[in-house]
Structure formats: C-alpha cells, structure tokens
N, C-alpha and C. Protein backbone atom coordinates (compact mmCIF):
# COMPACT_ATOMS: atom_id res chain seq x y z
N TYR A 1 -26.59 -9.67 -0.11
CA TYR A 1 -27.02 -8.84 -1.21
C TYR A 1 -28.13 -9.53 -1.99
N ARG A 2 -28.20 -10.82 -1.88
CA ARG A 2 -29.18 -11.58 -2.65
C ARG A 2 -30.62 -11.25 -2.25
N ARG A 3 -30.82 -10.96 -0.97
CA ARG A 3 -32.17 -10.62 -0.48
C ARG A 3 -32.43 -9.12 -0.51
N ASP A 4 -31.53 -8.36 -1.10
CA ASP A 4 -31.66 -6.90 -1.22
C ASP A 4 -31.81 -6.21 0.13
N LEU A 5 -31.08 -6.66 1.11
CA LEU A 5 -31.10 -6.01 2.42
C LEU A 5 -30.31 -4.70 2.38
N VAL A 6 -29.35 -4.62 1.48
CA VAL A 6 -28.53 -3.42 1.32
C VAL A 6 -28.65 -2.98 -0.12
N SER A 7 -29.03 -1.74 -0.34
CA SER A 7 -29.15 -1.23 -1.71
C SER A 7 -27.76 -0.99 -2.29
N ALA A 8 -27.69 -0.90 -3.60
CA ALA A 8 -26.41 -0.65 -4.26
C ALA A 8 -25.86 0.71 -3.85
N ARG A 9 -26.74 1.68 -3.68
CA ARG A 9 -26.29 3.02 -3.28
C ARG A 9 -25.70 2.99 -1.87
N ALA A 10 -26.38 2.32 -0.95
CA ALA A 10 -25.87 2.22 0.42
C ALA A 10 -24.55 1.47 0.45
N ALA A 11 -24.44 0.41 -0.35
CA ALA A 11 -23.20 -0.36 -0.40
C ALA A 11 -22.06 0.49 -0.96
N LEU A 12 -22.36 1.32 -1.95
CA LEU A 12 -21.34 2.20 -2.50
C LEU A 12 -20.87 3.21 -1.45
N ILE A 13 -21.79 3.75 -0.69
CA ILE A 13 -21.43 4.70 0.37
C ILE A 13 -20.56 4.03 1.42
N VAL A 14 -20.94 2.81 1.81
CA VAL A 14 -20.14 2.07 2.81
C VAL A 14 -18.76 1.76 2.24
N GLY A 15 -18.71 1.32 0.98
CA GLY A 15 -17.42 1.00 0.36
C GLY A 15 -16.49 2.20 0.28
N LEU A 16 -17.03 3.35 -0.12
CA LEU A 16 -16.22 4.55 -0.21
C LEU A 16 -15.82 5.05 1.19
N GLY A 17 -16.72 4.90 2.15
CA GLY A 17 -16.39 5.28 3.52
C GLY A 17 -15.27 4.41 4.08
N MET A 18 -15.34 3.12 3.83
CA MET A 18 -14.29 2.23 4.32
C MET A 18 -12.97 2.47 3.59
N PHE A 19 -13.05 2.87 2.32
CA PHE A 19 -11.82 3.23 1.61
C PHE A 19 -11.16 4.43 2.30
N ALA A 20 -11.95 5.41 2.68
CA ALA A 20 -11.42 6.58 3.38
C ALA A 20 -10.81 6.18 4.73
N VAL A 21 -11.48 5.27 5.44
CA VAL A 21 -10.94 4.78 6.72
C VAL A 21 -9.61 4.06 6.49
N ASN A 22 -9.54 3.23 5.46
CA ASN A 22 -8.31 2.50 5.17
C ASN A 22 -7.17 3.45 4.83
N VAL A 23 -7.45 4.45 4.00
CA VAL A 23 -6.41 5.42 3.64
C VAL A 23 -5.94 6.17 4.89
N THR A 24 -6.87 6.53 5.76
CA THR A 24 -6.51 7.23 7.00
C THR A 24 -5.66 6.34 7.90
N LEU A 25 -6.02 5.07 8.02
CA LEU A 25 -5.25 4.16 8.87
C LEU A 25 -3.83 3.97 8.35
N VAL A 26 -3.66 3.95 7.03
CA VAL A 26 -2.32 3.79 6.46
C VAL A 26 -1.54 5.10 6.56
N ALA A 27 -2.20 6.22 6.26
CA ALA A 27 -1.50 7.50 6.24
C ALA A 27 -1.13 8.00 7.64
N PHE A 28 -2.03 7.84 8.59
CA PHE A 28 -1.81 8.43 9.91
C PHE A 28 -1.72 7.40 11.04
N GLY A 29 -2.05 6.15 10.74
CA GLY A 29 -2.03 5.12 11.78
C GLY A 29 -0.74 4.32 11.75
N PRO A 30 -0.72 3.26 12.51
CA PRO A 30 0.51 2.46 12.62
C PRO A 30 0.67 1.42 11.51
N TYR A 31 -0.26 1.36 10.56
CA TYR A 31 -0.25 0.28 9.58
C TYR A 31 0.55 0.65 8.34
N GLU A 32 1.18 -0.37 7.76
CA GLU A 32 1.89 -0.20 6.50
C GLU A 32 0.94 -0.47 5.34
N LEU A 33 1.32 -0.05 4.15
CA LEU A 33 0.47 -0.17 2.98
C LEU A 33 0.23 -1.63 2.60
N SER A 34 1.23 -2.46 2.71
CA SER A 34 1.12 -3.86 2.29
C SER A 34 0.25 -4.66 3.26
N LEU A 35 -0.72 -5.40 2.69
CA LEU A 35 -1.52 -6.31 3.51
C LEU A 35 -0.92 -7.72 3.52
N VAL A 36 0.18 -7.89 2.81
CA VAL A 36 0.89 -9.17 2.82
C VAL A 36 1.79 -9.21 4.05
N GLY A 37 1.73 -10.30 4.77
CA GLY A 37 2.52 -10.41 5.99
C GLY A 37 4.01 -10.49 5.71
N LEU A 38 4.76 -9.57 6.29
CA LEU A 38 6.21 -9.56 6.17
C LEU A 38 6.82 -9.61 7.57
N GLU A 39 7.97 -10.24 7.69
CA GLU A 39 8.61 -10.37 9.00
C GLU A 39 9.04 -9.01 9.55
N THR A 40 9.37 -8.08 8.68
CA THR A 40 9.86 -6.77 9.13
C THR A 40 8.72 -5.82 9.48
N GLN A 41 7.50 -6.19 9.21
CA GLN A 41 6.35 -5.31 9.40
C GLN A 41 5.90 -5.30 10.85
N GLN A 42 5.74 -4.11 11.41
CA GLN A 42 5.23 -3.96 12.78
C GLN A 42 4.22 -2.84 12.79
N PRO A 43 3.03 -2.98 13.23
CA PRO A 43 2.38 -4.24 13.58
C PRO A 43 2.04 -5.04 12.32
N LYS A 44 1.91 -6.33 12.47
CA LYS A 44 1.57 -7.19 11.34
C LYS A 44 0.09 -7.01 10.99
N ASN A 45 -0.21 -7.01 9.70
CA ASN A 45 -1.59 -6.80 9.25
C ASN A 45 -2.40 -8.08 9.17
N MET A 46 -1.74 -9.22 9.10
CA MET A 46 -2.45 -10.47 8.87
C MET A 46 -2.59 -11.34 10.12
N SER A 47 -1.63 -11.31 11.00
CA SER A 47 -1.66 -12.22 12.13
C SER A 47 -1.25 -11.50 13.39
N PRO A 48 -2.12 -11.15 14.28
CA PRO A 48 -3.58 -11.33 14.22
C PRO A 48 -4.19 -10.34 13.24
N PRO A 49 -5.38 -10.64 12.74
CA PRO A 49 -6.03 -9.74 11.79
C PRO A 49 -6.16 -8.32 12.37
N SER A 50 -5.87 -7.35 11.55
CA SER A 50 -5.87 -5.97 12.02
C SER A 50 -7.16 -5.26 11.63
N LEU A 51 -7.32 -4.07 12.17
CA LEU A 51 -8.45 -3.22 11.80
C LEU A 51 -8.38 -2.88 10.32
N LEU A 52 -7.17 -2.69 9.80
CA LEU A 52 -6.99 -2.40 8.38
C LEU A 52 -7.47 -3.55 7.52
N LEU A 53 -7.15 -4.77 7.90
CA LEU A 53 -7.58 -5.93 7.13
C LEU A 53 -9.10 -6.09 7.17
N ALA A 54 -9.71 -5.88 8.32
CA ALA A 54 -11.17 -5.95 8.43
C ALA A 54 -11.82 -4.86 7.58
N GLY A 55 -11.28 -3.65 7.63
CA GLY A 55 -11.81 -2.57 6.81
C GLY A 55 -11.69 -2.85 5.33
N HIS A 56 -10.59 -3.47 4.94
CA HIS A 56 -10.38 -3.83 3.54
C HIS A 56 -11.41 -4.87 3.09
N ALA A 57 -11.67 -5.86 3.93
CA ALA A 57 -12.66 -6.89 3.59
C ALA A 57 -14.06 -6.29 3.46
N ILE A 58 -14.41 -5.41 4.39
CA ILE A 58 -15.73 -4.76 4.33
C ILE A 58 -15.83 -3.91 3.07
N MET A 59 -14.77 -3.18 2.75
CA MET A 59 -14.77 -2.34 1.55
C MET A 59 -14.97 -3.17 0.29
N LEU A 60 -14.25 -4.27 0.16
CA LEU A 60 -14.37 -5.10 -1.04
C LEU A 60 -15.76 -5.72 -1.16
N CYS A 61 -16.31 -6.19 -0.06
CA CYS A 61 -17.66 -6.76 -0.09
C CYS A 61 -18.69 -5.70 -0.46
N ALA A 62 -18.58 -4.52 0.12
CA ALA A 62 -19.53 -3.45 -0.18
C ALA A 62 -19.44 -3.02 -1.64
N LEU A 63 -18.24 -2.92 -2.17
CA LEU A 63 -18.09 -2.52 -3.58
C LEU A 63 -18.60 -3.62 -4.52
N ALA A 64 -18.46 -4.87 -4.14
CA ALA A 64 -19.01 -5.96 -4.95
C ALA A 64 -20.54 -5.89 -4.96
N ILE A 65 -21.14 -5.59 -3.81
CA ILE A 65 -22.60 -5.44 -3.75
C ILE A 65 -23.03 -4.25 -4.58
N ALA A 66 -22.29 -3.16 -4.52
CA ALA A 66 -22.62 -1.97 -5.31
C ALA A 66 -22.53 -2.23 -6.80
N ALA A 67 -21.60 -3.08 -7.21
CA ALA A 67 -21.41 -3.38 -8.63
C ALA A 67 -22.34 -4.48 -9.13
N SER A 68 -23.03 -5.18 -8.25
CA SER A 68 -23.83 -6.33 -8.67
C SER A 68 -24.92 -6.00 -9.69
N PRO A 69 -25.65 -4.86 -9.62
CA PRO A 69 -26.64 -4.59 -10.67
C PRO A 69 -26.00 -4.46 -12.06
N ALA A 70 -24.87 -3.78 -12.14
CA ALA A 70 -24.19 -3.63 -13.43
C ALA A 70 -23.65 -4.97 -13.92
N ILE A 71 -23.11 -5.77 -13.03
CA ILE A 71 -22.59 -7.08 -13.42
C ILE A 71 -23.73 -7.98 -13.87
N THR A 72 -24.86 -7.92 -13.19
CA THR A 72 -26.03 -8.72 -13.57
C THR A 72 -26.51 -8.34 -14.96
N ARG A 73 -26.62 -7.03 -15.23
CA ARG A 73 -27.04 -6.59 -16.57
C ARG A 73 -26.06 -7.05 -17.63
N TRP A 74 -24.77 -6.96 -17.33
CA TRP A 74 -23.76 -7.37 -18.29
C TRP A 74 -23.83 -8.88 -18.52
N ALA A 75 -24.03 -9.65 -17.46
CA ALA A 75 -24.03 -11.11 -17.57
C ALA A 75 -25.29 -11.64 -18.24
N GLN A 76 -26.35 -10.84 -18.33
CA GLN A 76 -27.57 -11.30 -18.98
C GLN A 76 -27.50 -11.21 -20.50
N ARG A 77 -26.47 -10.61 -21.03
CA ARG A 77 -26.31 -10.56 -22.48
C ARG A 77 -26.05 -11.98 -22.99
N PRO A 78 -26.67 -12.36 -24.09
CA PRO A 78 -26.57 -13.75 -24.56
C PRO A 78 -25.13 -14.23 -24.77
N ARG A 79 -24.30 -13.41 -25.37
CA ARG A 79 -22.94 -13.86 -25.66
C ARG A 79 -22.13 -14.07 -24.37
N VAL A 80 -22.29 -13.18 -23.42
CA VAL A 80 -21.58 -13.32 -22.14
C VAL A 80 -22.09 -14.54 -21.40
N TRP A 81 -23.40 -14.74 -21.37
CA TRP A 81 -23.98 -15.89 -20.69
C TRP A 81 -23.51 -17.18 -21.34
N TRP A 82 -23.42 -17.19 -22.64
CA TRP A 82 -22.97 -18.39 -23.35
C TRP A 82 -21.54 -18.74 -22.94
N LEU A 83 -20.70 -17.75 -22.73
CA LEU A 83 -19.32 -18.01 -22.33
C LEU A 83 -19.21 -18.53 -20.90
N THR A 84 -20.17 -18.20 -20.06
CA THR A 84 -20.08 -18.64 -18.67
C THR A 84 -20.68 -20.02 -18.43
N VAL A 85 -21.52 -20.47 -19.33
CA VAL A 85 -22.19 -21.76 -19.11
C VAL A 85 -21.47 -22.89 -19.77
C-alpha cells in the first residue's frame, strides 16, 4: 500500500468481496465460524491453513489498506501525533 499499487477504493472492493466469500464458506461450506483451532472442529481452520483463514487474512489486509487514507489524516493531527511519538 505504501507505493500506492492498490487504491483505497480497489482495496475496499476486495475486502468486501472477501467478506462475502468468507460468509459463504461459513454458511454453505464445511467451515465453522471460529478461526481458533479446537480439537472438536472438523475440518480444522488453522492447521493446515484453510481457504477460510486465507480469505480472512486477505480481507483484513485489504480493509487496512482501504482505511489507510483516513487513518493517515487522523494521525496527522498534532494532538494525535504527539501521543504516538
């Protein structure tokens, strides 16, 4: 995101698309809602990494890229910057 290879709008579209994929995988696929590994869970979401876990990681990264312009504007305020330094 630092080199602006992906715009905030494109990242938002990818993030929302991956959210829809994740909801579909949980609602209609074999995956359970919890991404925490449990012994009773079949198939396990963490070991080996599942499609749901990969989709979740992509979604979170895309939403962070989409939010970066707003976070940057917020962090440039003097009081906020003073608290971070």
